[in-house]
N, C-alpha and C. Protein backbone atom coordinates (compact mmCIF):
# COMPACT_ATOMS: atom_id res chain seq x y z
N UNK A 1 94.95 101.69 93.37
CA UNK A 1 95.85 100.77 94.05
C UNK A 1 95.10 100.12 95.21
N UNK A 2 95.16 98.78 95.33
CA UNK A 2 94.47 98.08 96.39
C UNK A 2 95.13 98.36 97.74
N UNK A 3 94.41 98.02 98.82
CA UNK A 3 94.95 98.25 100.16
C UNK A 3 96.21 97.42 100.37
N UNK A 4 96.25 96.21 99.80
CA UNK A 4 97.44 95.39 99.93
C UNK A 4 98.62 96.00 99.18
N UNK A 5 98.35 96.56 97.99
CA UNK A 5 99.41 97.20 97.21
C UNK A 5 99.95 98.43 97.94
N UNK A 6 99.05 99.18 98.54
CA UNK A 6 99.47 100.36 99.31
C UNK A 6 100.36 99.94 100.46
N UNK A 7 99.97 98.85 101.13
CA UNK A 7 100.76 98.35 102.26
C UNK A 7 102.15 97.91 101.82
N UNK A 8 102.22 97.23 100.67
CA UNK A 8 103.52 96.77 100.16
C UNK A 8 104.40 97.96 99.77
N UNK A 9 103.78 98.96 99.14
CA UNK A 9 104.55 100.14 98.76
C UNK A 9 105.09 100.84 100.00
N UNK A 10 104.27 100.93 101.04
CA UNK A 10 104.72 101.58 102.27
C UNK A 10 105.86 100.80 102.90
N UNK A 11 105.79 99.48 102.83
CA UNK A 11 106.88 98.66 103.36
C UNK A 11 108.17 98.93 102.60
N UNK A 12 108.06 99.01 101.27
CA UNK A 12 109.23 99.32 100.45
C UNK A 12 109.80 100.69 100.80
N UNK A 13 108.93 101.67 100.92
CA UNK A 13 109.37 103.04 101.26
C UNK A 13 110.06 103.07 102.62
N UNK A 14 109.51 102.32 103.58
CA UNK A 14 110.12 102.28 104.91
C UNK A 14 111.51 101.65 104.86
N UNK A 15 111.64 100.59 104.08
CA UNK A 15 112.94 99.93 103.96
C UNK A 15 113.95 100.85 103.29
N UNK A 16 113.49 101.58 102.29
CA UNK A 16 114.37 102.53 101.61
C UNK A 16 114.78 103.65 102.58
N UNK A 17 113.84 104.13 103.38
CA UNK A 17 114.13 105.20 104.33
C UNK A 17 115.15 104.74 105.36
N UNK A 18 115.04 103.49 105.80
CA UNK A 18 116.00 102.97 106.78
C UNK A 18 117.40 102.89 106.20
N UNK A 19 117.48 102.50 104.92
CA UNK A 19 118.79 102.44 104.26
C UNK A 19 119.37 103.84 104.07
N UNK A 20 118.51 104.77 103.73
CA UNK A 20 118.97 106.16 103.60
C UNK A 20 119.49 106.69 104.93
N UNK A 21 118.76 106.41 105.98
CA UNK A 21 119.15 106.89 107.30
C UNK A 21 120.51 106.34 107.71
N UNK A 22 120.74 105.08 107.38
CA UNK A 22 122.02 104.46 107.71
C UNK A 22 123.17 105.12 106.96
N UNK A 23 122.91 105.55 105.72
CA UNK A 23 123.96 106.20 104.91
C UNK A 23 124.14 107.67 105.30
N UNK A 24 123.03 108.34 105.59
CA UNK A 24 123.10 109.78 105.88
C UNK A 24 123.59 110.05 107.29
N UNK A 25 123.28 109.15 108.21
CA UNK A 25 123.69 109.36 109.58
C UNK A 25 123.11 110.65 110.13
N UNK A 26 123.95 111.50 110.68
CA UNK A 26 123.50 112.77 111.25
C UNK A 26 123.58 113.93 110.28
N UNK A 27 123.76 113.63 108.99
CA UNK A 27 123.88 114.69 107.99
C UNK A 27 122.61 115.53 107.90
N UNK A 28 122.77 116.82 107.72
CA UNK A 28 121.63 117.73 107.56
C UNK A 28 121.35 118.02 106.09
N UNK A 29 122.02 117.31 105.19
CA UNK A 29 121.87 117.60 103.77
C UNK A 29 120.44 117.40 103.30
N UNK A 30 119.76 116.43 103.91
CA UNK A 30 118.36 116.26 103.59
C UNK A 30 117.65 115.84 104.88
N UNK A 31 117.11 116.83 105.58
CA UNK A 31 116.54 116.59 106.90
C UNK A 31 115.16 115.96 106.82
N UNK A 32 114.48 116.07 105.69
CA UNK A 32 113.14 115.51 105.57
C UNK A 32 113.24 114.10 104.98
N UNK A 33 113.42 113.14 105.87
CA UNK A 33 113.61 111.77 105.42
C UNK A 33 112.37 111.25 104.70
N UNK A 34 111.18 111.65 105.17
CA UNK A 34 109.93 111.18 104.55
C UNK A 34 109.84 111.66 103.11
N UNK A 35 110.11 112.93 102.89
CA UNK A 35 110.03 113.48 101.53
C UNK A 35 111.08 112.85 100.62
N UNK A 36 112.28 112.67 101.16
CA UNK A 36 113.37 112.10 100.38
C UNK A 36 113.06 110.65 99.98
N UNK A 37 112.61 109.85 100.95
CA UNK A 37 112.30 108.45 100.66
C UNK A 37 111.08 108.32 99.76
N UNK A 38 110.12 109.24 99.92
CA UNK A 38 108.94 109.22 99.06
C UNK A 38 109.33 109.45 97.60
N UNK A 39 110.21 110.40 97.37
CA UNK A 39 110.64 110.68 96.00
C UNK A 39 111.36 109.48 95.40
N UNK A 40 112.32 108.93 96.13
CA UNK A 40 113.10 107.82 95.59
C UNK A 40 112.25 106.56 95.41
N UNK A 41 111.34 106.31 96.33
CA UNK A 41 110.49 105.13 96.19
C UNK A 41 109.52 105.28 95.02
N UNK A 42 109.01 106.49 94.81
CA UNK A 42 108.09 106.70 93.69
C UNK A 42 108.80 106.58 92.35
N UNK A 43 110.10 106.83 92.33
CA UNK A 43 110.88 106.69 91.11
C UNK A 43 111.23 105.24 90.82
N UNK A 44 111.46 104.45 91.86
CA UNK A 44 111.96 103.08 91.66
C UNK A 44 110.87 102.01 91.73
N UNK A 45 109.83 102.23 92.50
CA UNK A 45 108.78 101.22 92.66
C UNK A 45 108.14 100.79 91.34
N UNK A 46 107.80 101.72 90.43
CA UNK A 46 107.12 101.31 89.19
C UNK A 46 107.91 100.36 88.31
N UNK A 47 109.23 100.33 88.44
CA UNK A 47 110.02 99.47 87.54
C UNK A 47 110.20 98.06 88.10
N UNK A 48 109.72 97.83 89.31
CA UNK A 48 109.86 96.51 89.92
C UNK A 48 108.81 95.56 89.35
N UNK A 49 109.15 94.28 89.17
CA UNK A 49 108.17 93.32 88.65
C UNK A 49 107.00 93.16 89.61
N UNK A 50 105.85 92.81 89.09
CA UNK A 50 104.64 92.69 89.91
C UNK A 50 104.80 91.64 91.01
N UNK A 51 105.60 90.61 90.74
CA UNK A 51 105.80 89.57 91.75
C UNK A 51 106.49 90.14 92.99
N UNK A 52 107.29 91.18 92.80
CA UNK A 52 107.92 91.86 93.93
C UNK A 52 106.93 92.82 94.59
N UNK A 53 106.21 93.56 93.77
CA UNK A 53 105.27 94.53 94.30
C UNK A 53 104.16 93.88 95.11
N UNK A 54 103.83 92.63 94.77
CA UNK A 54 102.75 91.92 95.46
C UNK A 54 103.27 90.80 96.35
N UNK A 55 104.52 90.89 96.76
CA UNK A 55 105.12 89.84 97.57
C UNK A 55 104.39 89.66 98.90
N UNK A 56 104.11 88.41 99.24
CA UNK A 56 103.47 88.07 100.51
C UNK A 56 104.10 86.80 101.05
N UNK A 57 103.72 86.45 102.24
CA UNK A 57 104.19 85.19 102.83
C UNK A 57 103.80 84.00 101.96
N UNK A 58 102.57 84.04 101.40
CA UNK A 58 102.09 82.94 100.58
C UNK A 58 102.83 82.85 99.24
N UNK A 59 103.27 83.99 98.71
CA UNK A 59 103.91 83.98 97.38
C UNK A 59 105.43 84.00 97.44
N UNK A 60 105.98 83.81 98.64
CA UNK A 60 107.43 83.97 98.83
C UNK A 60 108.27 83.08 97.92
N UNK A 61 107.75 81.91 97.57
CA UNK A 61 108.53 80.99 96.73
C UNK A 61 108.69 81.49 95.30
N UNK A 62 107.82 82.39 94.87
CA UNK A 62 107.88 82.90 93.49
C UNK A 62 108.48 84.30 93.40
N UNK A 63 108.92 84.84 94.52
CA UNK A 63 109.52 86.18 94.51
C UNK A 63 110.95 86.09 93.99
N UNK A 64 111.31 86.90 93.01
CA UNK A 64 112.64 86.79 92.40
C UNK A 64 113.76 87.25 93.34
N UNK A 65 114.93 86.72 93.12
CA UNK A 65 116.12 87.11 93.87
C UNK A 65 116.54 88.51 93.39
N UNK A 66 116.66 89.47 94.29
CA UNK A 66 117.06 90.83 93.87
C UNK A 66 118.36 90.87 93.08
N UNK A 67 119.28 89.96 93.40
CA UNK A 67 120.56 89.94 92.69
C UNK A 67 120.41 89.51 91.24
N UNK A 68 119.28 88.85 90.92
CA UNK A 68 119.06 88.38 89.56
C UNK A 68 118.28 89.37 88.71
N UNK A 69 117.79 90.43 89.31
CA UNK A 69 117.04 91.43 88.56
C UNK A 69 117.98 92.33 87.77
N UNK A 70 117.70 92.56 86.50
CA UNK A 70 118.59 93.41 85.70
C UNK A 70 118.56 94.88 86.12
N UNK A 71 117.40 95.38 86.52
CA UNK A 71 117.22 96.79 86.93
C UNK A 71 117.73 97.76 85.88
N UNK A 72 117.66 97.37 84.62
CA UNK A 72 118.17 98.22 83.55
C UNK A 72 117.28 99.44 83.31
N UNK A 73 116.03 99.36 83.74
CA UNK A 73 115.12 100.49 83.51
C UNK A 73 115.06 101.43 84.70
N UNK A 74 115.99 101.28 85.63
CA UNK A 74 116.01 102.18 86.79
C UNK A 74 116.22 103.62 86.31
N UNK A 75 115.34 104.53 86.67
CA UNK A 75 115.43 105.92 86.17
C UNK A 75 116.74 106.60 86.55
N UNK A 76 117.25 107.40 85.64
CA UNK A 76 118.46 108.17 85.93
C UNK A 76 118.25 109.09 87.12
N UNK A 77 117.00 109.55 87.29
CA UNK A 77 116.71 110.47 88.40
C UNK A 77 116.99 109.81 89.75
N UNK A 78 116.73 108.52 89.85
CA UNK A 78 117.00 107.78 91.09
C UNK A 78 118.51 107.72 91.34
N UNK A 79 119.24 107.35 90.31
CA UNK A 79 120.69 107.22 90.43
C UNK A 79 121.34 108.58 90.69
N UNK A 80 120.92 109.58 89.93
CA UNK A 80 121.52 110.91 90.07
C UNK A 80 121.27 111.49 91.46
N UNK A 81 120.10 111.23 92.00
CA UNK A 81 119.78 111.77 93.33
C UNK A 81 120.66 111.12 94.40
N UNK A 82 120.80 109.82 94.33
CA UNK A 82 121.67 109.14 95.29
C UNK A 82 123.10 109.66 95.22
N UNK A 83 123.58 109.87 93.99
CA UNK A 83 124.95 110.37 93.82
C UNK A 83 125.08 111.81 94.27
N UNK A 84 124.06 112.61 94.02
CA UNK A 84 124.11 114.03 94.38
C UNK A 84 124.21 114.21 95.89
N UNK A 85 123.60 113.32 96.64
CA UNK A 85 123.65 113.42 98.11
C UNK A 85 124.77 112.60 98.72
N UNK A 86 125.64 112.07 97.88
CA UNK A 86 126.79 111.33 98.38
C UNK A 86 126.47 109.99 98.98
N UNK A 87 125.30 109.47 98.67
CA UNK A 87 124.90 108.17 99.20
C UNK A 87 125.58 107.05 98.41
N UNK A 88 125.73 107.27 97.12
CA UNK A 88 126.48 106.35 96.26
C UNK A 88 127.43 107.18 95.41
N UNK A 89 128.40 106.47 94.81
CA UNK A 89 129.41 107.20 94.04
C UNK A 89 129.28 106.99 92.54
N UNK A 90 128.55 105.94 92.13
CA UNK A 90 128.41 105.69 90.70
C UNK A 90 127.15 104.86 90.44
N UNK A 91 126.93 104.53 89.18
CA UNK A 91 125.73 103.79 88.79
C UNK A 91 125.68 102.42 89.44
N UNK A 92 126.81 101.69 89.40
CA UNK A 92 126.84 100.34 89.94
C UNK A 92 126.52 100.33 91.44
N UNK A 93 127.06 101.29 92.16
CA UNK A 93 126.80 101.36 93.60
C UNK A 93 125.34 101.72 93.87
N UNK A 94 124.76 102.54 93.00
CA UNK A 94 123.35 102.91 93.15
C UNK A 94 122.44 101.71 92.97
N UNK A 95 122.77 100.87 91.98
CA UNK A 95 121.98 99.66 91.74
C UNK A 95 122.15 98.69 92.91
N UNK A 96 123.38 98.59 93.43
CA UNK A 96 123.63 97.73 94.58
C UNK A 96 122.84 98.21 95.80
N UNK A 97 122.77 99.53 95.96
CA UNK A 97 121.99 100.11 97.06
C UNK A 97 120.54 99.66 96.98
N UNK A 98 119.96 99.72 95.78
CA UNK A 98 118.57 99.31 95.60
C UNK A 98 118.41 97.81 95.84
N UNK A 99 119.35 97.02 95.39
CA UNK A 99 119.26 95.57 95.61
C UNK A 99 119.20 95.26 97.11
N UNK A 100 120.00 95.97 97.88
CA UNK A 100 120.01 95.73 99.33
C UNK A 100 118.70 96.17 99.97
N UNK A 101 118.14 97.25 99.45
CA UNK A 101 116.81 97.68 99.92
C UNK A 101 115.79 96.59 99.63
N UNK A 102 115.87 96.00 98.44
CA UNK A 102 114.92 94.97 98.05
C UNK A 102 115.05 93.70 98.90
N UNK A 103 116.26 93.35 99.29
CA UNK A 103 116.45 92.20 100.18
C UNK A 103 115.71 92.44 101.50
N UNK A 104 115.87 93.64 102.03
CA UNK A 104 115.19 94.02 103.27
C UNK A 104 113.67 94.02 103.07
N UNK A 105 113.23 94.57 101.96
CA UNK A 105 111.80 94.63 101.65
C UNK A 105 111.19 93.23 101.56
N UNK A 106 111.87 92.31 100.89
CA UNK A 106 111.35 90.95 100.75
C UNK A 106 111.24 90.28 102.11
N UNK A 107 112.24 90.48 102.96
CA UNK A 107 112.20 89.92 104.31
C UNK A 107 110.98 90.42 105.06
N UNK A 108 110.66 91.70 104.90
CA UNK A 108 109.53 92.30 105.61
C UNK A 108 108.20 91.85 104.99
N UNK A 109 108.11 91.93 103.67
CA UNK A 109 106.84 91.63 103.00
C UNK A 109 106.47 90.15 103.09
N UNK A 110 107.48 89.29 103.14
CA UNK A 110 107.23 87.85 103.15
C UNK A 110 107.38 87.22 104.53
N UNK A 111 107.44 88.06 105.54
CA UNK A 111 107.58 87.54 106.90
C UNK A 111 106.35 86.73 107.29
N UNK A 112 106.57 85.68 108.06
CA UNK A 112 105.44 84.88 108.53
C UNK A 112 104.58 85.71 109.47
N UNK A 113 103.27 85.49 109.44
CA UNK A 113 102.40 86.23 110.35
C UNK A 113 102.74 85.90 111.79
N UNK A 114 102.61 86.86 112.71
CA UNK A 114 102.98 86.59 114.10
C UNK A 114 102.02 85.62 114.76
N UNK A 115 102.53 84.90 115.73
CA UNK A 115 101.65 84.09 116.58
C UNK A 115 100.77 85.06 117.34
N UNK A 116 99.45 84.82 117.34
CA UNK A 116 98.54 85.83 117.86
C UNK A 116 98.85 86.22 119.30
N UNK A 117 99.31 85.27 120.12
CA UNK A 117 99.57 85.60 121.53
C UNK A 117 100.71 86.58 121.69
N UNK A 118 101.61 86.62 120.70
CA UNK A 118 102.76 87.53 120.80
C UNK A 118 102.39 88.98 120.54
N UNK A 119 101.16 89.22 120.06
CA UNK A 119 100.74 90.58 119.75
C UNK A 119 100.02 91.24 120.93
N UNK A 120 99.92 90.55 122.05
CA UNK A 120 99.14 91.05 123.19
C UNK A 120 99.61 92.43 123.63
N UNK A 121 98.67 93.29 123.94
CA UNK A 121 98.96 94.64 124.39
C UNK A 121 98.47 94.81 125.83
N UNK A 122 98.88 95.88 126.46
CA UNK A 122 98.38 96.20 127.80
C UNK A 122 97.25 97.20 127.74
N UNK A 123 97.03 97.77 126.57
CA UNK A 123 95.94 98.73 126.38
C UNK A 123 94.96 98.20 125.36
N UNK A 124 93.70 98.56 125.52
CA UNK A 124 92.70 98.23 124.51
C UNK A 124 93.05 98.98 123.22
N UNK A 125 92.98 98.30 122.10
CA UNK A 125 93.38 98.92 120.84
C UNK A 125 92.31 99.84 120.26
N UNK A 126 91.17 99.91 120.90
CA UNK A 126 90.15 100.87 120.47
C UNK A 126 90.08 102.06 121.43
N UNK A 127 89.79 101.80 122.70
CA UNK A 127 89.63 102.93 123.62
C UNK A 127 90.95 103.39 124.23
N UNK A 128 92.01 102.58 124.08
CA UNK A 128 93.36 102.90 124.52
C UNK A 128 93.48 103.04 126.04
N UNK A 129 92.54 102.43 126.77
CA UNK A 129 92.67 102.41 128.23
C UNK A 129 93.52 101.21 128.64
N UNK A 130 94.30 101.37 129.67
CA UNK A 130 95.10 100.26 130.18
C UNK A 130 94.23 99.46 131.14
N UNK A 131 93.56 98.47 130.57
CA UNK A 131 92.59 97.66 131.30
C UNK A 131 92.77 96.20 130.87
N UNK A 132 92.16 95.25 131.57
CA UNK A 132 92.21 93.85 131.10
C UNK A 132 91.65 93.74 129.70
N UNK A 133 92.33 92.97 128.86
CA UNK A 133 91.92 92.87 127.46
C UNK A 133 91.60 91.42 127.09
N UNK A 134 90.75 91.28 126.08
CA UNK A 134 90.42 89.98 125.51
C UNK A 134 90.86 90.00 124.05
N UNK A 135 90.93 88.83 123.43
CA UNK A 135 91.31 88.84 122.02
C UNK A 135 90.09 88.72 121.12
N UNK A 136 90.08 89.58 120.12
CA UNK A 136 89.01 89.61 119.13
C UNK A 136 89.58 89.12 117.80
N UNK A 137 89.02 88.04 117.27
CA UNK A 137 89.45 87.58 115.94
C UNK A 137 88.97 88.60 114.91
N UNK A 138 89.91 89.25 114.27
CA UNK A 138 89.55 90.28 113.29
C UNK A 138 88.76 89.69 112.12
N UNK A 139 89.04 88.45 111.80
CA UNK A 139 88.22 87.71 110.85
C UNK A 139 87.52 86.62 111.67
N UNK A 140 86.27 86.85 112.05
CA UNK A 140 85.58 85.92 112.95
C UNK A 140 85.67 84.47 112.48
N UNK A 141 85.85 83.57 113.43
CA UNK A 141 86.07 82.17 113.08
C UNK A 141 84.88 81.55 112.34
N UNK A 142 83.70 82.05 112.64
CA UNK A 142 82.51 81.50 111.97
C UNK A 142 82.50 81.77 110.48
N UNK A 143 83.35 82.70 110.01
CA UNK A 143 83.37 83.07 108.59
C UNK A 143 84.56 82.48 107.84
N UNK A 144 85.44 81.75 108.51
CA UNK A 144 86.70 81.32 107.88
C UNK A 144 86.49 80.53 106.60
N UNK A 145 85.54 79.61 106.60
CA UNK A 145 85.32 78.80 105.40
C UNK A 145 84.91 79.68 104.23
N UNK A 146 84.01 80.61 104.48
CA UNK A 146 83.56 81.51 103.41
C UNK A 146 84.69 82.43 102.94
N UNK A 147 85.49 82.90 103.88
CA UNK A 147 86.61 83.77 103.53
C UNK A 147 87.56 83.08 102.56
N UNK A 148 87.88 81.83 102.85
CA UNK A 148 88.79 81.08 101.97
C UNK A 148 88.13 80.74 100.64
N UNK A 149 86.87 80.35 100.68
CA UNK A 149 86.17 79.99 99.45
C UNK A 149 86.07 81.18 98.51
N UNK A 150 85.78 82.36 99.06
CA UNK A 150 85.62 83.55 98.23
C UNK A 150 86.91 84.35 98.06
N UNK A 151 87.95 83.85 98.67
CA UNK A 151 89.30 84.46 98.54
C UNK A 151 89.31 85.93 98.99
N UNK A 152 88.63 86.19 100.06
CA UNK A 152 88.65 87.55 100.62
C UNK A 152 90.03 87.87 101.20
N UNK A 153 90.62 86.85 101.84
CA UNK A 153 91.92 87.04 102.49
C UNK A 153 92.72 85.75 102.39
N UNK A 154 94.06 85.85 102.46
CA UNK A 154 94.87 84.62 102.48
C UNK A 154 94.72 83.89 103.82
N UNK A 155 95.01 82.62 103.82
CA UNK A 155 94.83 81.80 105.01
C UNK A 155 95.65 82.31 106.19
N UNK A 156 96.80 82.90 105.92
CA UNK A 156 97.68 83.38 106.99
C UNK A 156 97.05 84.50 107.82
N UNK A 157 96.01 85.14 107.28
CA UNK A 157 95.37 86.23 108.02
C UNK A 157 94.26 85.75 108.95
N UNK A 158 93.87 84.50 108.85
CA UNK A 158 92.68 84.03 109.55
C UNK A 158 92.80 84.15 111.07
N UNK A 159 93.98 84.00 111.60
CA UNK A 159 94.13 84.02 113.05
C UNK A 159 94.64 85.36 113.58
N UNK A 160 94.58 86.40 112.77
CA UNK A 160 94.98 87.72 113.26
C UNK A 160 93.97 88.22 114.27
N UNK A 161 94.47 88.86 115.32
CA UNK A 161 93.59 89.31 116.39
C UNK A 161 93.88 90.74 116.78
N UNK A 162 92.90 91.34 117.45
CA UNK A 162 93.08 92.64 118.10
C UNK A 162 92.82 92.41 119.58
N UNK A 163 93.46 93.20 120.42
CA UNK A 163 93.28 93.07 121.86
C UNK A 163 92.37 94.19 122.33
N UNK A 164 91.19 93.81 122.77
CA UNK A 164 90.15 94.78 123.13
C UNK A 164 89.64 94.52 124.53
N UNK A 165 89.25 95.59 125.22
CA UNK A 165 88.58 95.41 126.50
C UNK A 165 87.21 94.78 126.24
N UNK A 166 86.59 94.24 127.26
CA UNK A 166 85.32 93.55 127.08
C UNK A 166 84.26 94.46 126.46
N UNK A 167 84.23 95.72 126.90
CA UNK A 167 83.20 96.62 126.41
C UNK A 167 83.40 96.94 124.93
N UNK A 168 84.63 97.22 124.53
CA UNK A 168 84.88 97.51 123.11
C UNK A 168 84.67 96.26 122.26
N UNK A 169 85.05 95.11 122.80
CA UNK A 169 84.85 93.84 122.09
C UNK A 169 83.37 93.62 121.82
N UNK A 170 82.56 93.86 122.84
CA UNK A 170 81.12 93.68 122.69
C UNK A 170 80.54 94.65 121.66
N UNK A 171 81.00 95.91 121.71
CA UNK A 171 80.50 96.92 120.78
C UNK A 171 80.82 96.56 119.34
N UNK A 172 82.02 96.06 119.08
CA UNK A 172 82.40 95.69 117.71
C UNK A 172 81.40 94.69 117.13
N UNK A 173 80.96 93.75 117.95
CA UNK A 173 80.02 92.74 117.45
C UNK A 173 78.58 93.25 117.42
N UNK A 174 78.31 94.34 118.06
CA UNK A 174 76.97 94.91 118.03
C UNK A 174 76.73 95.77 116.78
N UNK A 175 77.80 96.40 116.27
CA UNK A 175 77.59 97.38 115.21
C UNK A 175 77.42 96.76 113.83
N UNK A 176 77.85 95.51 113.65
CA UNK A 176 77.70 94.90 112.34
C UNK A 176 77.81 93.38 112.45
N UNK A 177 77.64 92.69 111.35
CA UNK A 177 77.65 91.23 111.34
C UNK A 177 79.07 90.69 111.25
N UNK A 178 79.22 89.41 111.59
CA UNK A 178 80.53 88.77 111.48
C UNK A 178 81.03 88.76 110.04
N UNK A 179 80.13 88.55 109.09
CA UNK A 179 80.53 88.53 107.68
C UNK A 179 81.04 89.90 107.24
N UNK A 180 80.38 90.96 107.69
CA UNK A 180 80.83 92.31 107.35
C UNK A 180 82.18 92.60 107.99
N UNK A 181 82.36 92.15 109.22
CA UNK A 181 83.65 92.32 109.89
C UNK A 181 84.74 91.62 109.09
N UNK A 182 84.46 90.40 108.66
CA UNK A 182 85.46 89.62 107.93
C UNK A 182 85.82 90.24 106.60
N UNK A 183 84.83 90.76 105.90
CA UNK A 183 85.06 91.26 104.55
C UNK A 183 85.57 92.70 104.53
N UNK A 184 85.09 93.52 105.46
CA UNK A 184 85.36 94.95 105.35
C UNK A 184 86.07 95.59 106.53
N UNK A 185 86.09 94.92 107.69
CA UNK A 185 86.65 95.55 108.89
C UNK A 185 87.60 94.58 109.60
N UNK A 186 88.58 94.10 108.84
CA UNK A 186 89.47 93.03 109.30
C UNK A 186 90.78 93.55 109.89
N UNK A 187 90.87 94.85 110.15
CA UNK A 187 91.99 95.42 110.89
C UNK A 187 91.44 96.44 111.87
N UNK A 188 92.22 96.77 112.89
CA UNK A 188 91.81 97.80 113.84
C UNK A 188 91.65 99.14 113.12
N UNK A 189 92.55 99.40 112.18
CA UNK A 189 92.49 100.67 111.44
C UNK A 189 91.17 100.81 110.69
N UNK A 190 90.72 99.73 110.08
CA UNK A 190 89.44 99.77 109.35
C UNK A 190 88.28 99.92 110.32
N UNK A 191 88.33 99.26 111.45
CA UNK A 191 87.28 99.42 112.46
C UNK A 191 87.17 100.87 112.90
N UNK A 192 88.32 101.50 113.09
CA UNK A 192 88.33 102.87 113.59
C UNK A 192 87.89 103.88 112.54
N UNK A 193 87.71 103.46 111.31
CA UNK A 193 87.17 104.35 110.28
C UNK A 193 85.66 104.45 110.36
N UNK A 194 85.02 103.54 111.08
CA UNK A 194 83.57 103.58 111.23
C UNK A 194 83.18 104.70 112.19
N UNK A 195 82.17 105.48 111.82
CA UNK A 195 81.74 106.59 112.66
C UNK A 195 81.20 106.10 113.99
N UNK A 196 80.49 104.96 113.98
CA UNK A 196 79.94 104.48 115.25
C UNK A 196 81.04 104.04 116.21
N UNK A 197 82.09 103.42 115.66
CA UNK A 197 83.21 103.02 116.51
C UNK A 197 83.97 104.26 117.00
N UNK A 198 84.09 105.28 116.17
CA UNK A 198 84.74 106.51 116.60
C UNK A 198 83.98 107.16 117.75
N UNK A 199 82.66 107.18 117.64
CA UNK A 199 81.84 107.77 118.70
C UNK A 199 82.00 106.97 119.99
N UNK A 200 81.96 105.65 119.85
CA UNK A 200 82.14 104.81 121.03
C UNK A 200 83.52 105.02 121.66
N UNK A 201 84.54 105.09 120.82
CA UNK A 201 85.90 105.27 121.32
C UNK A 201 86.02 106.57 122.12
N UNK A 202 85.42 107.61 121.61
CA UNK A 202 85.47 108.90 122.30
C UNK A 202 84.83 108.80 123.67
N UNK A 203 83.72 108.08 123.73
CA UNK A 203 83.02 107.89 125.00
C UNK A 203 83.82 106.99 125.93
N UNK A 204 84.22 105.82 125.44
CA UNK A 204 84.87 104.82 126.28
C UNK A 204 86.19 105.29 126.85
N UNK A 205 86.93 106.07 126.08
CA UNK A 205 88.25 106.52 126.53
C UNK A 205 88.17 107.39 127.77
N UNK A 206 86.99 107.96 128.03
CA UNK A 206 86.82 108.84 129.19
C UNK A 206 86.33 108.10 130.43
N UNK A 207 86.00 106.82 130.27
CA UNK A 207 85.42 106.07 131.38
C UNK A 207 86.50 105.40 132.22
N UNK A 208 86.35 105.50 133.54
CA UNK A 208 87.25 104.78 134.44
C UNK A 208 86.85 103.32 134.46
N UNK A 209 87.83 102.46 134.37
CA UNK A 209 87.53 101.03 134.32
C UNK A 209 86.78 100.59 135.57
N UNK A 210 85.68 99.87 135.37
CA UNK A 210 84.92 99.32 136.48
C UNK A 210 83.93 100.26 137.10
N UNK A 211 83.87 101.50 136.61
CA UNK A 211 82.96 102.49 137.18
C UNK A 211 81.80 102.74 136.24
N UNK A 212 80.58 102.47 136.70
CA UNK A 212 79.35 102.81 136.00
C UNK A 212 79.20 102.07 134.68
N UNK A 213 79.91 100.95 134.53
CA UNK A 213 79.64 100.11 133.38
C UNK A 213 78.47 99.20 133.73
N UNK A 214 77.77 98.73 132.74
CA UNK A 214 76.67 97.82 132.98
C UNK A 214 77.17 96.57 133.68
N UNK A 215 76.41 96.10 134.70
CA UNK A 215 76.80 94.91 135.42
C UNK A 215 76.40 93.65 134.67
N UNK A 216 75.64 93.81 133.58
CA UNK A 216 75.22 92.66 132.81
C UNK A 216 76.42 92.02 132.13
N UNK A 217 76.44 90.69 132.08
CA UNK A 217 77.54 89.96 131.45
C UNK A 217 77.69 90.37 129.99
N UNK A 218 78.91 90.73 129.56
CA UNK A 218 79.12 91.11 128.15
C UNK A 218 78.74 89.97 127.22
N UNK A 219 78.38 90.35 126.00
CA UNK A 219 77.99 89.34 125.02
C UNK A 219 79.14 88.44 124.63
N UNK A 220 80.36 88.96 124.73
CA UNK A 220 81.51 88.25 124.21
C UNK A 220 82.51 88.05 125.32
N UNK A 221 82.90 86.84 125.60
CA UNK A 221 83.91 86.62 126.64
C UNK A 221 85.27 86.38 126.01
N UNK A 222 86.25 86.04 126.86
CA UNK A 222 87.63 85.96 126.40
C UNK A 222 87.84 84.96 125.27
N UNK A 223 87.04 83.90 125.25
CA UNK A 223 87.30 82.85 124.25
C UNK A 223 86.03 82.60 123.43
N UNK A 224 85.45 83.68 122.97
CA UNK A 224 84.24 83.57 122.16
C UNK A 224 84.61 83.07 120.76
N UNK A 225 83.56 82.87 119.96
CA UNK A 225 83.77 82.43 118.59
C UNK A 225 84.03 83.60 117.66
N UNK A 226 84.28 84.78 118.20
CA UNK A 226 84.49 85.96 117.36
C UNK A 226 85.83 85.93 116.70
């Protein structure tokens, strides 16, 4: 399963969990919401059409209306489980429950990407210190043409940013090339999987801002081409 497919499945599972929580309320009948939603999502996700499973902002016009889906192949195990926990009372209500989950899922999966300035944080997303931050284009601007030509990412991802302190921002550009960042390290989570970034994070998180940092001007300023 691709990283995008995993992300879409997680979105679906989260939407299902939220619907379950709304129905269960404070009930102790199933206290492990993660396990419960994981089971139900694993039962229902495979029967959804690929256009739903791969729904994105770019493909939103081709995503089917949940009310128009027959859902005839929905496993009995999904329906029986909902009924056993009193979440639904019959087959029709169980199908309606899933349709409402899908409406929520489509809204989430097909949401427009945020305006980059609205994602600003007060802490560096790598070292987690509360210090002045700069914005790092997760897909460096110098690579945008190649990214689109080779279809590495959809156009809506091009302006996604991470908020990093100057030191972490500089380190990100020191450890690899812009093309490698664009193709393989286009999220903070992926950056943090690198051993060199992990080592740096461990070091940087212990440093007091402004103390014993190099006085040399960082390679990357607030409005670099990164």
